[in-house]
Amino acid sequence: MLDANHLPKYRQKSRAFIADQLIKRMDEDSLGKAVSDELFERDYTVFDDLE
């Protein structure tokens, strides 16, 4: 989402800071869809090893 909105990686910043930057750059509908898409495409198999 950062790349798509031409934002830097913010490697040393908190999640709250990054979320605030995305909120400032994206309209509410686009942000909601982007978050939904990211969560849907997430690789949840990485959590299988934690059980």
Protein backbone atom coordinates (compact mmCIF):
# COMPACT_ATOMS: atom_id res chain seq x y z
CA MET A 1 0.00 0.00 0.00
CA LEU A 2 2.90 2.33 0.69
CA ASP A 3 4.41 1.72 -2.74
CA ALA A 4 1.07 2.18 -4.48
CA ASN A 5 0.69 5.60 -2.84
CA HIS A 6 4.30 6.66 -3.44
CA LEU A 7 5.18 6.72 0.25
CA PRO A 8 8.53 5.71 1.74
CA LYS A 9 8.87 2.41 3.63
CA TYR A 10 8.95 4.05 7.11
CA ARG A 11 10.95 1.12 8.51
CA GLN A 12 11.60 2.81 11.86
CA LYS A 13 8.07 4.13 12.36
CA SER A 14 5.15 2.65 14.28
CA ARG A 15 2.10 1.07 12.69
CA ALA A 16 0.02 3.97 13.99
CA PHE A 17 2.28 6.46 12.19
CA ILE A 18 2.08 4.48 8.94
CA ALA A 19 -1.70 4.20 9.22
CA ASP A 20 -1.93 7.96 9.77
CA GLN A 21 0.12 8.59 6.63
CA LEU A 22 -2.14 6.31 4.58
CA ILE A 23 -5.26 8.00 5.98
CA LYS A 24 -3.88 11.38 4.94
CA ARG A 25 -3.14 10.20 1.37
CA MET A 26 -6.13 7.99 0.54
CA ASP A 27 -9.86 8.55 0.52
CA GLU A 28 -11.90 6.38 2.87
CA ASP A 29 -13.35 4.06 0.21
CA SER A 30 -9.99 3.41 -1.45
CA LEU A 31 -8.29 2.80 1.88
CA GLY A 32 -10.97 0.35 3.01
CA LYS A 33 -10.74 -1.60 -0.23
CA ALA A 34 -6.93 -1.64 -0.14
CA VAL A 35 -6.87 -2.94 3.45
CA SER A 36 -9.45 -5.59 2.61
CA ASP A 37 -7.48 -6.69 -0.45
CA GLU A 38 -4.22 -6.89 1.52
CA LEU A 39 -5.82 -9.02 4.25
CA PHE A 40 -7.51 -11.28 1.70
CA GLU A 41 -4.23 -11.89 -0.16
CA ARG A 42 -2.19 -12.41 3.02
CA ASP A 43 -0.35 -15.72 3.40
CA TYR A 44 -1.90 -17.19 6.54
CA THR A 45 0.06 -20.44 6.22
CA VAL A 46 2.93 -18.81 8.15
CA PHE A 47 0.77 -19.15 11.26
CA ASP A 48 0.39 -22.92 10.86
CA ASP A 49 3.83 -23.49 12.38
CA LEU A 50 2.88 -21.59 15.55
CA GLU A 51 0.40 -24.23 16.70
